[in-house]
Amino acid sequence: MNITKMDEIILAKIVFYMREYQEIHGIKKQCLANCQYLYDIIRMNHPTLNVKVKSVLVTFIEGGTTFYMGGHLVIILDDNIVIEPSHEIFICKNTNYYDNIKCFMENCPHKSDPTTKQVINNFITFIKIADKMNSGILMVADKKFYDDQADYVEKHVHNLLEVIEFNRMILTKKSDNKKTNKIDFAENSLCTSSVKPKNQK
């Protein structure tokens, strides 16, 4: 990705504070507002970055049972890196994302389940929503949640930036050979027909 290390750290913190706000307030079913806010932030600060909102089919494990869902949006960087801004999905175990029906069906544990058709219909509906968001149309179902989460995130990121600037002024120059850990804010890669989910052999 064509962003600086500092920008990567800040972006990781933005996602972290989004999830933190959602966890504190018990927020669920707000992937549209979550993706709209994160998409807006990235496009505003990095207009040349390859970023888009994408409709996905999701499988995850809870209590030993595999669940699957359509009607979910995530942020995609560089066409295959998934950023999950929604806390309720982020905390699920063994999560896999699919952006096409064929690949999903190849790995779906419940092909004959009658709810599978509804899951796919939801996925198709959200493709249209994602297309509108990527074209610049504001798609926010809950404006109050969007604004309140933005206020929370921006307050904490502003405090972080003040600390970073303070440290930059008082710290001596670090040794050139000192290594820093890579901040990996993208927890998953998009599953395609040529890539098996991580929990499959």
C-alpha atoms as a PDB file:
ATOM      1  CA  MET A   1       0.000   0.000   0.000  1.00  0.00           C
ATOM      2  CA  ASN A   2       1.251   3.441  -0.917  1.00  0.00           C
ATOM      3  CA  ILE A   3       0.995   5.046   2.528  1.00  0.00           C
ATOM      4  CA  THR A   4       3.580   5.949   5.142  1.00  0.00           C
ATOM      5  CA  LYS A   5       4.225   3.913   8.259  1.00  0.00           C
ATOM      6  CA  MET A   6       2.678   6.658  10.376  1.00  0.00           C
ATOM      7  CA  ASP A   7      -0.453   6.714   8.212  1.00  0.00           C
ATOM      8  CA  GLU A   8      -0.716   2.935   8.568  1.00  0.00           C
ATOM      9  CA  ILE A   9      -0.526   3.220  12.355  1.00  0.00           C
ATOM     10  CA  ILE A  10      -3.177   5.954  12.413  1.00  0.00           C
ATOM     11  CA  LEU A  11      -5.480   3.941  10.140  1.00  0.00           C
ATOM     12  CA  ALA A  12      -5.066   0.922  12.403  1.00  0.00           C
ATOM     13  CA  LYS A  13      -5.994   3.084  15.393  1.00  0.00           C
ATOM     14  CA  ILE A  14      -9.062   4.464  13.638  1.00  0.00           C
ATOM     15  CA  VAL A  15     -10.327   0.916  13.053  1.00  0.00           C
ATOM     16  CA  PHE A  16      -9.480  -0.007  16.651  1.00  0.00           C
ATOM     17  CA  TYR A  17     -11.427   2.938  18.103  1.00  0.00           C
ATOM     18  CA  MET A  18     -14.392   2.219  15.821  1.00  0.00           C
ATOM     19  CA  ARG A  19     -14.618  -1.315  17.171  1.00  0.00           C
ATOM     20  CA  GLU A  20     -14.061  -0.092  20.723  1.00  0.00           C
ATOM     21  CA  TYR A  21     -16.970   2.352  20.426  1.00  0.00           C
ATOM     22  CA  GLN A  22     -19.231  -0.382  19.055  1.00  0.00           C
ATOM     23  CA  GLU A  23     -18.231  -2.785  21.841  1.00  0.00           C
ATOM     24  CA  ILE A  24     -18.876  -0.197  24.584  1.00  0.00           C
ATOM     25  CA  HIS A  25     -22.317   0.686  23.221  1.00  0.00           C
ATOM     26  CA  GLY A  26     -23.371  -2.795  22.090  1.00  0.00           C
ATOM     27  CA  ILE A  27     -23.653  -1.730  18.449  1.00  0.00           C
ATOM     28  CA  LYS A  28     -24.708  -4.392  15.934  1.00  0.00           C
ATOM     29  CA  LYS A  29     -25.963  -4.494  12.338  1.00  0.00           C
ATOM     30  CA  GLN A  30     -24.277  -1.238  11.375  1.00  0.00           C
ATOM     31  CA  CYS A  31     -21.820  -2.436   8.735  1.00  0.00           C
ATOM     32  CA  LEU A  32     -23.186   0.137   6.277  1.00  0.00           C
ATOM     33  CA  ALA A  33     -22.429   3.123   8.526  1.00  0.00           C
ATOM     34  CA  ASN A  34     -19.121   1.574   9.634  1.00  0.00           C
ATOM     35  CA  CYS A  35     -17.919   1.120   6.069  1.00  0.00           C
ATOM     36  CA  GLN A  36     -19.211   4.504   4.945  1.00  0.00           C
ATOM     37  CA  TYR A  37     -17.256   6.259   7.708  1.00  0.00           C
ATOM     38  CA  LEU A  38     -14.019   4.317   7.148  1.00  0.00           C
ATOM     39  CA  TYR A  39     -14.313   4.686   3.373  1.00  0.00           C
ATOM     40  CA  ASP A  40     -14.845   8.446   3.785  1.00  0.00           C
ATOM     41  CA  ILE A  41     -11.777   8.754   6.027  1.00  0.00           C
ATOM     42  CA  ILE A  42      -9.497   6.820   3.672  1.00  0.00           C
ATOM     43  CA  ARG A  43     -10.697   8.570   0.519  1.00  0.00           C
ATOM     44  CA  MET A  44     -10.357  11.985   2.173  1.00  0.00           C
ATOM     45  CA  ASN A  45      -6.798  11.416   3.364  1.00  0.00           C
ATOM     46  CA  HIS A  46      -5.506   9.051   0.654  1.00  0.00           C
ATOM     47  CA  PRO A  47      -7.420   9.746  -2.585  1.00  0.00           C
ATOM     48  CA  THR A  48      -5.015   7.656  -4.687  1.00  0.00           C
ATOM     49  CA  LEU A  49      -5.256   4.564  -2.490  1.00  0.00           C
ATOM     50  CA  ASN A  50      -6.988   1.550  -4.009  1.00  0.00           C
ATOM     51  CA  VAL A  51      -9.921   1.270  -1.595  1.00  0.00           C
ATOM     52  CA  LYS A  52     -13.521   0.169  -2.066  1.00  0.00           C
ATOM     53  CA  VAL A  53     -16.557  -0.975  -0.140  1.00  0.00           C
ATOM     54  CA  LYS A  54     -17.460  -4.565  -0.951  1.00  0.00           C
ATOM     55  CA  SER A  55     -20.397  -6.855  -0.335  1.00  0.00           C
ATOM     56  CA  VAL A  56     -19.261 -10.210   1.022  1.00  0.00           C
ATOM     57  CA  LEU A  57     -20.554 -13.579   2.090  1.00  0.00           C
ATOM     58  CA  VAL A  58     -19.137 -14.506   5.486  1.00  0.00           C
ATOM     59  CA  THR A  59     -18.643 -17.819   7.278  1.00  0.00           C
ATOM     60  CA  PHE A  60     -17.590 -18.040  10.913  1.00  0.00           C
ATOM     61  CA  ILE A  61     -17.594 -20.471  13.828  1.00  0.00           C
ATOM     62  CA  GLU A  62     -19.460 -19.868  17.062  1.00  0.00           C
ATOM     63  CA  GLY A  63     -19.910 -22.484  19.776  1.00  0.00           C
ATOM     64  CA  GLY A  64     -18.469 -25.156  17.510  1.00  0.00           C
ATOM     65  CA  THR A  65     -21.081 -24.470  14.815  1.00  0.00           C
ATOM     66  CA  THR A  66     -20.349 -22.906  11.425  1.00  0.00           C
ATOM     67  CA  PHE A  67     -22.585 -19.965  10.531  1.00  0.00           C
ATOM     68  CA  TYR A  68     -22.824 -18.041   7.287  1.00  0.00           C
ATOM     69  CA  MET A  69     -24.299 -14.720   6.307  1.00  0.00           C
ATOM     70  CA  GLY A  70     -24.864 -12.390   3.370  1.00  0.00           C
ATOM     71  CA  GLY A  71     -25.819  -8.750   3.555  1.00  0.00           C
ATOM     72  CA  HIS A  72     -22.492  -7.616   4.999  1.00  0.00           C
ATOM     73  CA  LEU A  73     -20.054  -4.920   3.903  1.00  0.00           C
ATOM     74  CA  VAL A  74     -16.304  -4.600   4.464  1.00  0.00           C
ATOM     75  CA  ILE A  75     -13.513  -2.353   3.238  1.00  0.00           C
ATOM     76  CA  ILE A  76     -11.127  -3.809   0.655  1.00  0.00           C
ATOM     77  CA  LEU A  77      -7.606  -2.492   0.090  1.00  0.00           C
ATOM     78  CA  ASP A  78      -5.541  -3.442  -2.961  1.00  0.00           C
ATOM     79  CA  ASP A  79      -8.362  -5.722  -4.178  1.00  0.00           C
ATOM     80  CA  ASN A  80      -7.823  -8.527  -1.633  1.00  0.00           C
ATOM     81  CA  ILE A  81      -7.024  -7.168   1.850  1.00  0.00           C
ATOM     82  CA  VAL A  82     -10.097  -7.129   4.091  1.00  0.00           C
ATOM     83  CA  ILE A  83     -10.533  -4.535   6.822  1.00  0.00           C
ATOM     84  CA  GLU A  84     -13.424  -5.454   9.125  1.00  0.00           C
ATOM     85  CA  PRO A  85     -14.667  -2.300  10.877  1.00  0.00           C
ATOM     86  CA  SER A  86     -17.666  -4.046  12.484  1.00  0.00           C
ATOM     87  CA  HIS A  87     -16.901  -5.335  15.974  1.00  0.00           C
ATOM     88  CA  GLU A  88     -19.628  -7.993  16.035  1.00  0.00           C
ATOM     89  CA  ILE A  89     -18.038  -9.814  13.056  1.00  0.00           C
ATOM     90  CA  PHE A  90     -14.428  -9.024  13.978  1.00  0.00           C
ATOM     91  CA  ILE A  91     -14.727 -11.040  17.223  1.00  0.00           C
ATOM     92  CA  CYS A  92     -16.063 -14.153  15.451  1.00  0.00           C
ATOM     93  CA  LYS A  93     -13.643 -17.061  15.171  1.00  0.00           C
ATOM     94  CA  ASN A  94     -12.310 -18.579  11.929  1.00  0.00           C
ATOM     95  CA  THR A  95     -13.931 -15.935   9.756  1.00  0.00           C
ATOM     96  CA  ASN A  96     -13.744 -16.264   5.975  1.00  0.00           C
ATOM     97  CA  TYR A  97     -14.947 -13.765   3.379  1.00  0.00           C
ATOM     98  CA  TYR A  98     -16.177 -14.487  -0.147  1.00  0.00           C
ATOM     99  CA  ASP A  99     -16.953 -11.948  -2.866  1.00  0.00           C
ATOM    100  CA  ASN A 100     -18.532 -14.386  -5.316  1.00  0.00           C
ATOM    101  CA  ILE A 101     -21.309 -16.945  -5.042  1.00  0.00           C
ATOM    102  CA  LYS A 102     -19.439 -19.778  -6.786  1.00  0.00           C
ATOM    103  CA  CYS A 103     -16.553 -19.750  -4.317  1.00  0.00           C
ATOM    104  CA  PHE A 104     -18.949 -19.451  -1.379  1.00  0.00           C
ATOM    105  CA  MET A 105     -20.985 -22.443  -2.523  1.00  0.00           C
ATOM    106  CA  GLU A 106     -17.839 -24.529  -3.007  1.00  0.00           C
ATOM    107  CA  ASN A 107     -17.018 -24.001   0.669  1.00  0.00           C
ATOM    108  CA  CYS A 108     -20.518 -23.678   2.146  1.00  0.00           C
ATOM    109  CA  PRO A 109     -21.212 -26.388   4.761  1.00  0.00           C
ATOM    110  CA  HIS A 110     -24.990 -26.035   4.344  1.00  0.00           C
ATOM    111  CA  LYS A 111     -25.590 -26.081   0.584  1.00  0.00           C
ATOM    112  CA  SER A 112     -29.021 -27.653   0.931  1.00  0.00           C
ATOM    113  CA  ASP A 113     -30.173 -25.405   3.776  1.00  0.00           C
ATOM    114  CA  PRO A 114     -33.223 -23.363   2.644  1.00  0.00           C
ATOM    115  CA  THR A 115     -31.763 -20.230   4.226  1.00  0.00           C
ATOM    116  CA  THR A 116     -28.810 -20.328   1.813  1.00  0.00           C
ATOM    117  CA  LYS A 117     -30.955 -18.755  -0.924  1.00  0.00           C
ATOM    118  CA  GLN A 118     -31.835 -15.827   1.368  1.00  0.00           C
ATOM    119  CA  VAL A 119     -28.182 -15.378   2.335  1.00  0.00           C
ATOM    120  CA  ILE A 120     -27.263 -15.124  -1.356  1.00  0.00           C
ATOM    121  CA  ASN A 121     -30.146 -12.716  -2.059  1.00  0.00           C
ATOM    122  CA  ASN A 122     -28.898 -10.478   0.779  1.00  0.00           C
ATOM    123  CA  PHE A 123     -25.409 -10.605  -0.717  1.00  0.00           C
ATOM    124  CA  ILE A 124     -26.730  -9.467  -4.111  1.00  0.00           C
ATOM    125  CA  THR A 125     -28.746  -6.638  -2.518  1.00  0.00           C
ATOM    126  CA  PHE A 126     -25.635  -5.368  -0.736  1.00  0.00           C
ATOM    127  CA  ILE A 127     -23.630  -5.446  -3.979  1.00  0.00           C
ATOM    128  CA  LYS A 128     -25.915  -2.662  -5.207  1.00  0.00           C
ATOM    129  CA  ILE A 129     -25.422  -0.728  -1.961  1.00  0.00           C
ATOM    130  CA  ALA A 130     -21.632  -1.070  -2.195  1.00  0.00           C
ATOM    131  CA  ASP A 131     -21.681   0.105  -5.820  1.00  0.00           C
ATOM    132  CA  LYS A 132     -23.544   3.261  -4.789  1.00  0.00           C
ATOM    133  CA  MET A 133     -21.089   3.957  -1.959  1.00  0.00           C
ATOM    134  CA  ASN A 134     -18.119   3.474  -4.288  1.00  0.00           C
ATOM    135  CA  SER A 135     -19.667   5.903  -6.771  1.00  0.00           C
ATOM    136  CA  GLY A 136     -19.753   8.614  -4.086  1.00  0.00           C
ATOM    137  CA  ILE A 137     -23.355   8.339  -2.921  1.00  0.00           C
ATOM    138  CA  LEU A 138     -23.673   8.702   0.858  1.00  0.00           C
ATOM    139  CA  MET A 139     -25.378   5.579   2.226  1.00  0.00           C
ATOM    140  CA  VAL A 140     -26.031   6.027   5.945  1.00  0.00           C
ATOM    141  CA  ALA A 141     -29.128   4.469   7.507  1.00  0.00           C
ATOM    142  CA  ASP A 142     -28.366   5.834  11.003  1.00  0.00           C
ATOM    143  CA  LYS A 143     -26.846   9.327  10.803  1.00  0.00           C
ATOM    144  CA  LYS A 144     -26.736   9.735  14.603  1.00  0.00           C
ATOM    145  CA  PHE A 145     -24.656   6.580  15.027  1.00  0.00           C
ATOM    146  CA  TYR A 146     -22.376   7.669  12.173  1.00  0.00           C
ATOM    147  CA  ASP A 147     -21.795  11.070  13.795  1.00  0.00           C
ATOM    148  CA  ASP A 148     -21.430   9.761  17.365  1.00  0.00           C
ATOM    149  CA  GLN A 149     -18.903   7.116  16.351  1.00  0.00           C
ATOM    150  CA  ALA A 150     -17.002   9.691  14.279  1.00  0.00           C
ATOM    151  CA  ASP A 151     -16.821  12.039  17.279  1.00  0.00           C
ATOM    152  CA  TYR A 152     -15.482   9.228  19.489  1.00  0.00           C
ATOM    153  CA  VAL A 153     -12.875   8.106  16.979  1.00  0.00           C
ATOM    154  CA  GLU A 154     -11.696  11.589  16.060  1.00  0.00           C
ATOM    155  CA  LYS A 155     -11.342  12.615  19.712  1.00  0.00           C
ATOM    156  CA  HIS A 156      -9.120   9.612  20.469  1.00  0.00           C
ATOM    157  CA  VAL A 157      -7.087   9.904  17.266  1.00  0.00           C
ATOM    158  CA  HIS A 158      -6.552  13.613  17.927  1.00  0.00           C
ATOM    159  CA  ASN A 159      -5.183  12.740  21.389  1.00  0.00           C
ATOM    160  CA  LEU A 160      -2.953  10.100  19.786  1.00  0.00           C
ATOM    161  CA  LEU A 161      -1.589  12.613  17.271  1.00  0.00           C
ATOM    162  CA  GLU A 162      -0.770  15.050  20.090  1.00  0.00           C
ATOM    163  CA  VAL A 163       1.201  12.318  21.885  1.00  0.00           C
ATOM    164  CA  ILE A 164       3.020  11.384  18.668  1.00  0.00           C
ATOM    165  CA  GLU A 165       3.951  15.011  17.997  1.00  0.00           C
ATOM    166  CA  PHE A 166       5.122  15.497  21.597  1.00  0.00           C
ATOM    167  CA  ASN A 167       7.291  12.380  21.418  1.00  0.00           C
ATOM    168  CA  ARG A 168       8.677  13.498  18.076  1.00  0.00           C
ATOM    169  CA  MET A 169       9.846  16.775  19.629  1.00  0.00           C
ATOM    170  CA  ILE A 170      11.502  15.337  22.735  1.00  0.00           C
ATOM    171  CA  LEU A 171      12.920  12.002  21.590  1.00  0.00           C
ATOM    172  CA  THR A 172      16.373  11.735  20.097  1.00  0.00           C
ATOM    173  CA  LYS A 173      16.769  10.276  16.643  1.00  0.00           C
ATOM    174  CA  LYS A 174      16.404   6.507  16.722  1.00  0.00           C
ATOM    175  CA  SER A 175      19.149   4.268  15.485  1.00  0.00           C
ATOM    176  CA  ASP A 176      18.786   3.474  11.798  1.00  0.00           C
ATOM    177  CA  ASN A 177      19.129  -0.252  12.437  1.00  0.00           C
ATOM    178  CA  LYS A 178      16.410  -0.398  15.074  1.00  0.00           C
ATOM    179  CA  LYS A 179      13.517  -2.531  13.831  1.00  0.00           C
ATOM    180  CA  THR A 180       9.859  -1.756  14.424  1.00  0.00           C
ATOM    181  CA  ASN A 181       6.953  -4.177  14.337  1.00  0.00           C
ATOM    182  CA  LYS A 182       4.651  -3.968  11.316  1.00  0.00           C
ATOM    183  CA  ILE A 183       1.157  -2.814  12.190  1.00  0.00           C
ATOM    184  CA  ASP A 184      -1.174  -5.312  10.562  1.00  0.00           C
ATOM    185  CA  PHE A 185      -4.681  -3.880  10.668  1.00  0.00           C
ATOM    186  CA  ALA A 186      -6.050  -6.172   7.948  1.00  0.00           C
ATOM    187  CA  GLU A 187      -6.998  -9.441   9.620  1.00  0.00           C
ATOM    188  CA  ASN A 188      -8.122 -11.386   6.574  1.00  0.00           C
ATOM    189  CA  SER A 189      -7.622 -11.805   2.867  1.00  0.00           C
ATOM    190  CA  LEU A 190     -10.497 -12.201   0.466  1.00  0.00           C
ATOM    191  CA  CYS A 191     -11.191 -15.812  -0.502  1.00  0.00           C
ATOM    192  CA  THR A 192     -11.306 -16.397  -4.251  1.00  0.00           C
ATOM    193  CA  SER A 193     -11.881 -19.478  -6.336  1.00  0.00           C
ATOM    194  CA  SER A 194      -8.116 -20.129  -6.349  1.00  0.00           C
ATOM    195  CA  VAL A 195      -7.603 -19.637  -2.604  1.00  0.00           C
ATOM    196  CA  LYS A 196      -8.977 -21.973   0.035  1.00  0.00           C
ATOM    197  CA  PRO A 197     -10.133 -20.584   3.386  1.00  0.00           C
ATOM    198  CA  LYS A 198      -7.465 -20.616   6.066  1.00  0.00           C
ATOM    199  CA  ASN A 199      -9.114 -23.387   8.062  1.00  0.00           C
ATOM    200  CA  GLN A 200      -9.202 -25.799   5.123  1.00  0.00           C
ATOM    201  CA  LYS A 201      -6.387 -28.042   3.901  1.00  0.00           C
END
